[in-house]
Amino acid sequence: MSVSRKLGILIFFGMPAIIGGGIIYSIFGGNYVPVFTYEIILLLIAGGYISR
């Protein structure tokens, strides 16, 4: 897999991390634990795609 494709995948997972993190933060009433959990799950999924 080329470097440009790997960077594209990271950008593709970066948008849900930013927008989804804000949504999760507001749903759970200002608690950061669910946000960190969401971010870790996205990081693991993105790492799985990049490691191929």
PDB file of N, CA and C in Angstrom:
ATOM      1  N   MET A   1       0.843  -1.163   0.000  1.00  0.00           N
ATOM      2  CA  MET A   1       0.000   0.000   0.000  1.00  0.00           C
ATOM      3  C   MET A   1       0.898   1.238   0.000  1.00  0.00           C
ATOM      4  N   SER A   2       0.570   2.188  -0.829  1.00  0.00           N
ATOM      5  CA  SER A   2       1.406   3.378  -0.971  1.00  0.00           C
ATOM      6  C   SER A   2       1.212   4.328   0.208  1.00  0.00           C
ATOM      7  N   VAL A   3       2.152   5.220   0.358  1.00  0.00           N
ATOM      8  CA  VAL A   3       2.117   6.189   1.456  1.00  0.00           C
ATOM      9  C   VAL A   3       0.914   7.118   1.312  1.00  0.00           C
ATOM     10  N   SER A   4       0.604   7.521   0.103  1.00  0.00           N
ATOM     11  CA  SER A   4      -0.531   8.423  -0.100  1.00  0.00           C
ATOM     12  C   SER A   4      -1.847   7.756   0.278  1.00  0.00           C
ATOM     13  N   ARG A   5      -1.964   6.471   0.021  1.00  0.00           N
ATOM     14  CA  ARG A   5      -3.185   5.764   0.414  1.00  0.00           C
ATOM     15  C   ARG A   5      -3.282   5.653   1.929  1.00  0.00           C
ATOM     16  N   LYS A   6      -2.165   5.402   2.606  1.00  0.00           N
ATOM     17  CA  LYS A   6      -2.166   5.335   4.072  1.00  0.00           C
ATOM     18  C   LYS A   6      -2.561   6.676   4.681  1.00  0.00           C
ATOM     19  N   LEU A   7      -2.048   7.765   4.125  1.00  0.00           N
ATOM     20  CA  LEU A   7      -2.416   9.088   4.618  1.00  0.00           C
ATOM     21  C   LEU A   7      -3.895   9.383   4.369  1.00  0.00           C
ATOM     22  N   GLY A   8      -4.402   8.935   3.243  1.00  0.00           N
ATOM     23  CA  GLY A   8      -5.823   9.099   2.954  1.00  0.00           C
ATOM     24  C   GLY A   8      -6.697   8.356   3.945  1.00  0.00           C
ATOM     25  N   ILE A   9      -6.280   7.165   4.333  1.00  0.00           N
ATOM     26  CA  ILE A   9      -7.032   6.398   5.323  1.00  0.00           C
ATOM     27  C   ILE A   9      -7.014   7.112   6.667  1.00  0.00           C
ATOM     28  N   LEU A  10      -5.873   7.668   7.048  1.00  0.00           N
ATOM     29  CA  LEU A  10      -5.802   8.403   8.313  1.00  0.00           C
ATOM     30  C   LEU A  10      -6.702   9.635   8.293  1.00  0.00           C
ATOM     31  N   ILE A  11      -6.764  10.332   7.176  1.00  0.00           N
ATOM     32  CA  ILE A  11      -7.655  11.488   7.061  1.00  0.00           C
ATOM     33  C   ILE A  11      -9.104  11.033   7.102  1.00  0.00           C
ATOM     34  N   PHE A  12      -9.393   9.908   6.454  1.00  0.00           N
ATOM     35  CA  PHE A  12     -10.746   9.365   6.439  1.00  0.00           C
ATOM     36  C   PHE A  12     -11.215   9.027   7.855  1.00  0.00           C
ATOM     37  N   PHE A  13     -10.324   8.539   8.716  1.00  0.00           N
ATOM     38  CA  PHE A  13     -10.681   8.228  10.093  1.00  0.00           C
ATOM     39  C   PHE A  13     -10.527   9.440  11.006  1.00  0.00           C
ATOM     40  N   GLY A  14      -9.876  10.486  10.544  1.00  0.00           N
ATOM     41  CA  GLY A  14      -9.706  11.685  11.358  1.00  0.00           C
ATOM     42  C   GLY A  14     -10.982  12.501  11.479  1.00  0.00           C
ATOM     43  N   MET A  15     -11.741  12.573  10.411  1.00  0.00           N
ATOM     44  CA  MET A  15     -12.992  13.328  10.454  1.00  0.00           C
ATOM     45  C   MET A  15     -13.992  12.736  11.446  1.00  0.00           C
ATOM     46  N   PRO A  16     -14.262  11.431  11.414  1.00  0.00           N
ATOM     47  CA  PRO A  16     -15.183  10.894  12.429  1.00  0.00           C
ATOM     48  C   PRO A  16     -14.645  11.054  13.846  1.00  0.00           C
ATOM     49  N   ALA A  17     -13.328  11.078  13.997  1.00  0.00           N
ATOM     50  CA  ALA A  17     -12.763  11.251  15.334  1.00  0.00           C
ATOM     51  C   ALA A  17     -13.081  12.639  15.870  1.00  0.00           C
ATOM     52  N   ILE A  18     -12.967  13.654  15.032  1.00  0.00           N
ATOM     53  CA  ILE A  18     -13.227  15.024  15.478  1.00  0.00           C
ATOM     54  C   ILE A  18     -14.722  15.268  15.673  1.00  0.00           C
ATOM     55  N   ILE A  19     -15.501  14.952  14.661  1.00  0.00           N
ATOM     56  CA  ILE A  19     -16.939  15.216  14.723  1.00  0.00           C
ATOM     57  C   ILE A  19     -17.627  14.262  15.698  1.00  0.00           C
ATOM     58  N   GLY A  20     -17.299  12.984  15.593  1.00  0.00           N
ATOM     59  CA  GLY A  20     -17.913  11.992  16.479  1.00  0.00           C
ATOM     60  C   GLY A  20     -17.528  12.191  17.931  1.00  0.00           C
ATOM     61  N   GLY A  21     -16.295  12.643  18.171  1.00  0.00           N
ATOM     62  CA  GLY A  21     -15.881  12.911  19.545  1.00  0.00           C
ATOM     63  C   GLY A  21     -16.730  13.997  20.179  1.00  0.00           C
ATOM     64  N   GLY A  22     -17.039  15.036  19.420  1.00  0.00           N
ATOM     65  CA  GLY A  22     -17.909  16.098  19.928  1.00  0.00           C
ATOM     66  C   GLY A  22     -19.324  15.619  20.177  1.00  0.00           C
ATOM     67  N   ILE A  23     -19.819  14.778  19.293  1.00  0.00           N
ATOM     68  CA  ILE A  23     -21.171  14.244  19.471  1.00  0.00           C
ATOM     69  C   ILE A  23     -21.228  13.341  20.698  1.00  0.00           C
ATOM     70  N   ILE A  24     -20.252  12.470  20.857  1.00  0.00           N
ATOM     71  CA  ILE A  24     -20.202  11.578  22.018  1.00  0.00           C
ATOM     72  C   ILE A  24     -20.074  12.398  23.299  1.00  0.00           C
ATOM     73  N   TYR A  25     -19.265  13.451  23.265  1.00  0.00           N
ATOM     74  CA  TYR A  25     -19.086  14.312  24.438  1.00  0.00           C
ATOM     75  C   TYR A  25     -20.407  14.955  24.854  1.00  0.00           C
ATOM     76  N   SER A  26     -21.172  15.434  23.884  1.00  0.00           N
ATOM     77  CA  SER A  26     -22.429  16.090  24.222  1.00  0.00           C
ATOM     78  C   SER A  26     -23.509  15.096  24.651  1.00  0.00           C
ATOM     79  N   ILE A  27     -23.505  13.900  24.075  1.00  0.00           N
ATOM     80  CA  ILE A  27     -24.502  12.891  24.462  1.00  0.00           C
ATOM     81  C   ILE A  27     -24.294  12.438  25.901  1.00  0.00           C
ATOM     82  N   PHE A  28     -23.043  12.244  26.291  1.00  0.00           N
ATOM     83  CA  PHE A  28     -22.753  11.735  27.625  1.00  0.00           C
ATOM     84  C   PHE A  28     -22.552  12.852  28.644  1.00  0.00           C
ATOM     85  N   GLY A  29     -22.986  14.046  28.356  1.00  0.00           N
ATOM     86  CA  GLY A  29     -23.042  15.122  29.327  1.00  0.00           C
ATOM     87  C   GLY A  29     -21.700  15.663  29.780  1.00  0.00           C
ATOM     88  N   GLY A  30     -20.735  15.757  28.897  1.00  0.00           N
ATOM     89  CA  GLY A  30     -19.453  16.351  29.249  1.00  0.00           C
ATOM     90  C   GLY A  30     -18.481  15.400  29.901  1.00  0.00           C
ATOM     91  N   ASN A  31     -18.676  14.107  29.714  1.00  0.00           N
ATOM     92  CA  ASN A  31     -17.765  13.109  30.278  1.00  0.00           C
ATOM     93  C   ASN A  31     -16.776  12.683  29.193  1.00  0.00           C
ATOM     94  N   TYR A  32     -15.488  12.710  29.532  1.00  0.00           N
ATOM     95  CA  TYR A  32     -14.466  12.399  28.535  1.00  0.00           C
ATOM     96  C   TYR A  32     -14.161  10.906  28.398  1.00  0.00           C
ATOM     97  N   VAL A  33     -14.581  10.084  29.340  1.00  0.00           N
ATOM     98  CA  VAL A  33     -14.272   8.647  29.265  1.00  0.00           C
ATOM     99  C   VAL A  33     -14.881   8.004  28.016  1.00  0.00           C
ATOM    100  N   PRO A  34     -16.159   8.238  27.692  1.00  0.00           N
ATOM    101  CA  PRO A  34     -16.690   7.666  26.444  1.00  0.00           C
ATOM    102  C   PRO A  34     -15.996   8.213  25.197  1.00  0.00           C
ATOM    103  N   VAL A  35     -15.553   9.462  25.234  1.00  0.00           N
ATOM    104  CA  VAL A  35     -14.856  10.045  24.098  1.00  0.00           C
ATOM    105  C   VAL A  35     -13.529   9.332  23.874  1.00  0.00           C
ATOM    106  N   PHE A  36     -12.773   9.102  24.958  1.00  0.00           N
ATOM    107  CA  PHE A  36     -11.505   8.385  24.833  1.00  0.00           C
ATOM    108  C   PHE A  36     -11.721   6.954  24.349  1.00  0.00           C
ATOM    109  N   THR A  37     -12.786   6.317  24.820  1.00  0.00           N
ATOM    110  CA  THR A  37     -13.098   4.958  24.368  1.00  0.00           C
ATOM    111  C   THR A  37     -13.400   4.952  22.867  1.00  0.00           C
ATOM    112  N   TYR A  38     -14.190   5.905  22.421  1.00  0.00           N
ATOM    113  CA  TYR A  38     -14.520   6.032  20.998  1.00  0.00           C
ATOM    114  C   TYR A  38     -13.267   6.277  20.157  1.00  0.00           C
ATOM    115  N   GLU A  39     -12.404   7.156  20.648  1.00  0.00           N
ATOM    116  CA  GLU A  39     -11.170   7.473  19.928  1.00  0.00           C
ATOM    117  C   GLU A  39     -10.239   6.256  19.847  1.00  0.00           C
ATOM    118  N   ILE A  40     -10.147   5.500  20.915  1.00  0.00           N
ATOM    119  CA  ILE A  40      -9.292   4.299  20.918  1.00  0.00           C
ATOM    120  C   ILE A  40      -9.820   3.262  19.940  1.00  0.00           C
ATOM    121  N   ILE A  41     -11.135   3.096  19.895  1.00  0.00           N
ATOM    122  CA  ILE A  41     -11.719   2.135  18.953  1.00  0.00           C
ATOM    123  C   ILE A  41     -11.412   2.558  17.506  1.00  0.00           C
ATOM    124  N   LEU A  42     -11.574   3.847  17.211  1.00  0.00           N
ATOM    125  CA  LEU A  42     -11.248   4.330  15.863  1.00  0.00           C
ATOM    126  C   LEU A  42      -9.769   4.162  15.549  1.00  0.00           C
ATOM    127  N   LEU A  43      -8.917   4.393  16.542  1.00  0.00           N
ATOM    128  CA  LEU A  43      -7.477   4.232  16.338  1.00  0.00           C
ATOM    129  C   LEU A  43      -7.128   2.785  16.035  1.00  0.00           C
ATOM    130  N   LEU A  44      -7.762   1.845  16.718  1.00  0.00           N
ATOM    131  CA  LEU A  44      -7.495   0.427  16.464  1.00  0.00           C
ATOM    132  C   LEU A  44      -7.958   0.013  15.063  1.00  0.00           C
ATOM    133  N   ILE A  45      -9.116   0.507  14.665  1.00  0.00           N
ATOM    134  CA  ILE A  45      -9.628   0.180  13.326  1.00  0.00           C
ATOM    135  C   ILE A  45      -8.723   0.762  12.245  1.00  0.00           C
ATOM    136  N   ALA A  46      -8.314   2.032  12.425  1.00  0.00           N
ATOM    137  CA  ALA A  46      -7.417   2.653  11.443  1.00  0.00           C
ATOM    138  C   ALA A  46      -6.077   1.946  11.411  1.00  0.00           C
ATOM    139  N   GLY A  47      -5.565   1.553  12.564  1.00  0.00           N
ATOM    140  CA  GLY A  47      -4.304   0.804  12.617  1.00  0.00           C
ATOM    141  C   GLY A  47      -4.397  -0.526  11.904  1.00  0.00           C
ATOM    142  N   GLY A  48      -5.556  -1.169  12.005  1.00  0.00           N
ATOM    143  CA  GLY A  48      -5.776  -2.421  11.293  1.00  0.00           C
ATOM    144  C   GLY A  48      -5.739  -2.254   9.791  1.00  0.00           C
ATOM    145  N   TYR A  49      -6.347  -1.154   9.310  1.00  0.00           N
ATOM    146  CA  TYR A  49      -6.329  -0.898   7.869  1.00  0.00           C
ATOM    147  C   TYR A  49      -4.937  -0.540   7.381  1.00  0.00           C
ATOM    148  N   ILE A  50      -4.210   0.235   8.162  1.00  0.00           N
ATOM    149  CA  ILE A  50      -2.885   0.674   7.720  1.00  0.00           C
ATOM    150  C   ILE A  50      -1.869  -0.462   7.774  1.00  0.00           C
ATOM    151  N   SER A  51      -2.027  -1.375   8.697  1.00  0.00           N
ATOM    152  CA  SER A  51      -1.041  -2.453   8.835  1.00  0.00           C
ATOM    153  C   SER A  51      -1.104  -3.474   7.698  1.00  0.00           C
ATOM    154  N   ARG A  52      -2.158  -3.429   6.892  1.00  0.00           N
ATOM    155  CA  ARG A  52      -2.260  -4.377   5.777  1.00  0.00           C
ATOM    156  C   ARG A  52      -1.299  -4.065   4.687  1.00  0.00           C
TER     157      ARG A  52
END
